[in-house]
C-alpha atoms as a PDB file:
ATOM      1  CA  UNK A   1       0.315   0.531  -0.468  1.00  0.00           C
ATOM      2  CA  UNK A   2       1.448   3.535  -0.607  1.00  0.00           C
ATOM      3  CA  UNK A   3       1.968   5.935   1.305  1.00  0.00           C
ATOM      4  CA  UNK A   4       1.671   9.587   0.984  1.00  0.00           C
ATOM      5  CA  UNK A   5       3.911  12.259   2.590  1.00  0.00           C
ATOM      6  CA  UNK A   6       1.304  13.647   4.269  1.00  0.00           C
ATOM      7  CA  UNK A   7       0.306  10.277   6.101  1.00  0.00           C
ATOM      8  CA  UNK A   8       3.838   9.346   6.858  1.00  0.00           C
ATOM      9  CA  UNK A   9       3.581   8.480  11.528  1.00  0.00           C
ATOM     10  CA  UNK A  10       3.640  11.816  12.927  1.00  0.00           C
ATOM     11  CA  UNK A  11       6.087   9.726  15.324  1.00  0.00           C
ATOM     12  CA  UNK A  12       8.832   9.168  12.429  1.00  0.00           C
ATOM     13  CA  UNK A  13       8.300  12.990  11.544  1.00  0.00           C
ATOM     14  CA  UNK A  14       8.936  13.606  14.663  1.00  0.00           C
ATOM     15  CA  UNK A  15      11.716  11.474  14.973  1.00  0.00           C
ATOM     16  CA  UNK A  16      13.726  12.846  12.381  1.00  0.00           C
ATOM     17  CA  UNK A  17      12.871  16.611  13.278  1.00  0.00           C
ATOM     18  CA  UNK A  18      14.695  15.646  17.039  1.00  0.00           C
ATOM     19  CA  UNK A  19      17.881  14.149  15.508  1.00  0.00           C
ATOM     20  CA  UNK A  20      17.553  17.418  13.232  1.00  0.00           C
ATOM     21  CA  UNK A  21      16.350  15.734   9.586  1.00  0.00           C
ATOM     22  CA  UNK A  22      13.558  16.766   7.399  1.00  0.00           C
ATOM     23  CA  UNK A  23      11.237  13.938   6.498  1.00  0.00           C
ATOM     24  CA  UNK A  24      11.130  15.801   3.181  1.00  0.00           C
ATOM     25  CA  UNK A  25      14.411  14.225   2.771  1.00  0.00           C
ATOM     26  CA  UNK A  26      13.116  10.779   3.299  1.00  0.00           C
ATOM     27  CA  UNK A  27      13.660   8.910   0.213  1.00  0.00           C
ATOM     28  CA  UNK A  28       9.793   7.086  -0.735  1.00  0.00           C
ATOM     29  CA  UNK A  29       9.860   4.224  -2.403  1.00  0.00           C
ATOM     30  CA  UNK A  30       7.221   3.157  -4.363  1.00  0.00           C
ATOM     31  CA  UNK A  31       6.422  -0.334  -7.162  1.00  0.00           C
ATOM     32  CA  UNK A  32       4.268  -2.477  -8.457  1.00  0.00           C
ATOM     33  CA  UNK A  33       1.970  -5.408  -7.784  1.00  0.00           C
ATOM     34  CA  UNK A  34       2.560  -7.750  -9.837  1.00  0.00           C
ATOM     35  CA  UNK A  35      -1.386  -9.718 -11.058  1.00  0.00           C
ATOM     36  CA  UNK A  36      -1.071 -13.341 -12.328  1.00  0.00           C
ATOM     37  CA  UNK A  37      -3.687 -14.363 -14.474  1.00  0.00           C
ATOM     38  CA  UNK A  38      -2.999 -18.085 -14.022  1.00  0.00           C
ATOM     39  CA  UNK A  39      -0.132 -20.491 -12.172  1.00  0.00           C
ATOM     40  CA  UNK A  40       1.895 -20.669 -15.173  1.00  0.00           C
ATOM     41  CA  UNK A  41       1.807 -16.842 -16.705  1.00  0.00           C
ATOM     42  CA  UNK A  42       3.606 -13.669 -16.164  1.00  0.00           C
ATOM     43  CA  UNK A  43       1.794 -10.638 -14.771  1.00  0.00           C
ATOM     44  CA  UNK A  44       0.731  -8.048 -16.783  1.00  0.00           C
ATOM     45  CA  UNK A  45       3.441  -5.163 -17.329  1.00  0.00           C
ATOM     46  CA  UNK A  46       0.821  -2.266 -18.256  1.00  0.00           C
ATOM     47  CA  UNK A  47      -1.434  -3.730 -15.616  1.00  0.00           C
ATOM     48  CA  UNK A  48       1.603  -3.311 -13.263  1.00  0.00           C
ATOM     49  CA  UNK A  49       2.789   0.464 -14.174  1.00  0.00           C
ATOM     50  CA  UNK A  50      -0.611   1.789 -14.095  1.00  0.00           C
ATOM     51  CA  UNK A  51      -0.205   3.345 -10.713  1.00  0.00           C
ATOM     52  CA  UNK A  52       3.277   4.642 -11.288  1.00  0.00           C
ATOM     53  CA  UNK A  53       2.253   8.275 -12.556  1.00  0.00           C
ATOM     54  CA  UNK A  54      -0.042   8.576  -9.045  1.00  0.00           C
ATOM     55  CA  UNK A  55       3.087   7.121  -6.927  1.00  0.00           C
ATOM     56  CA  UNK A  56       4.974   9.977  -8.625  1.00  0.00           C
ATOM     57  CA  UNK A  57       2.515  12.582  -7.724  1.00  0.00           C
ATOM     58  CA  UNK A  58       2.624  11.921  -4.093  1.00  0.00           C
ATOM     59  CA  UNK A  59       6.427  12.269  -4.398  1.00  0.00           C
ATOM     60  CA  UNK A  60       7.812   8.764  -4.340  1.00  0.00           C
ATOM     61  CA  UNK A  61      11.163   9.055  -6.782  1.00  0.00           C
ATOM     62  CA  UNK A  62      12.882   5.324  -6.765  1.00  0.00           C
ATOM     63  CA  UNK A  63      10.459   2.386  -7.714  1.00  0.00           C
ATOM     64  CA  UNK A  64      11.237  -1.417  -6.942  1.00  0.00           C
ATOM     65  CA  UNK A  65       9.840  -4.203  -9.619  1.00  0.00           C
ATOM     66  CA  UNK A  66      10.909  -7.393  -9.992  1.00  0.00           C
ATOM     67  CA  UNK A  67      11.182  -8.894 -13.625  1.00  0.00           C
ATOM     68  CA  UNK A  68      10.332 -12.425 -12.999  1.00  0.00           C
ATOM     69  CA  UNK A  69       7.049 -11.569 -12.443  1.00  0.00           C
ATOM     70  CA  UNK A  70       6.679 -10.244 -15.552  1.00  0.00           C
ATOM     71  CA  UNK A  71       9.280 -12.420 -17.664  1.00  0.00           C
ATOM     72  CA  UNK A  72      10.336 -15.942 -18.261  1.00  0.00           C
ATOM     73  CA  UNK A  73      13.334 -15.516 -19.862  1.00  0.00           C
ATOM     74  CA  UNK A  74      16.752 -14.200 -18.145  1.00  0.00           C
ATOM     75  CA  UNK A  75      18.394 -13.358 -21.009  1.00  0.00           C
ATOM     76  CA  UNK A  76      15.743 -10.608 -21.702  1.00  0.00           C
ATOM     77  CA  UNK A  77      16.059  -9.078 -18.567  1.00  0.00           C
ATOM     78  CA  UNK A  78      17.797  -5.825 -20.460  1.00  0.00           C
ATOM     79  CA  UNK A  79      14.546  -5.838 -22.867  1.00  0.00           C
ATOM     80  CA  UNK A  80      12.748  -6.048 -20.498  1.00  0.00           C
ATOM     81  CA  UNK A  81      14.318  -3.426 -18.363  1.00  0.00           C
ATOM     82  CA  UNK A  82      14.001  -0.909 -21.339  1.00  0.00           C
ATOM     83  CA  UNK A  83      10.284  -1.690 -22.046  1.00  0.00           C
ATOM     84  CA  UNK A  84       9.672  -0.653 -18.091  1.00  0.00           C
ATOM     85  CA  UNK A  85      11.459   2.824 -18.966  1.00  0.00           C
ATOM     86  CA  UNK A  86       9.666   3.503 -22.345  1.00  0.00           C
ATOM     87  CA  UNK A  87       6.370   2.945 -20.563  1.00  0.00           C
ATOM     88  CA  UNK A  88       6.858   4.934 -17.080  1.00  0.00           C
ATOM     89  CA  UNK A  89       8.379   7.382 -19.845  1.00  0.00           C
ATOM     90  CA  UNK A  90       5.152   7.155 -21.835  1.00  0.00           C
ATOM     91  CA  UNK A  91       2.386   7.369 -19.096  1.00  0.00           C
ATOM     92  CA  UNK A  92       4.439  10.210 -17.205  1.00  0.00           C
ATOM     93  CA  UNK A  93       4.744  12.661 -20.093  1.00  0.00           C
END
């Protein structure tokens, strides 16, 4: 579940302030949620990437994605990564 900067627990915000740190300096890391159509298929990449623009709008700047959820071909991971970048750029243009 995503958390916006406004929803960061006040105790964390207070603890960081006490330590002389700003909650705005905390790296917000988002990600994808894979949905598998059956026991043998990979997840749909387009569907998994749909929430990325909303996460970016909430301040997330780093995203985790697990290639093995979307491809069974270890030799295709580089192409998969390029496809992720292309799709995210398209979604956020």
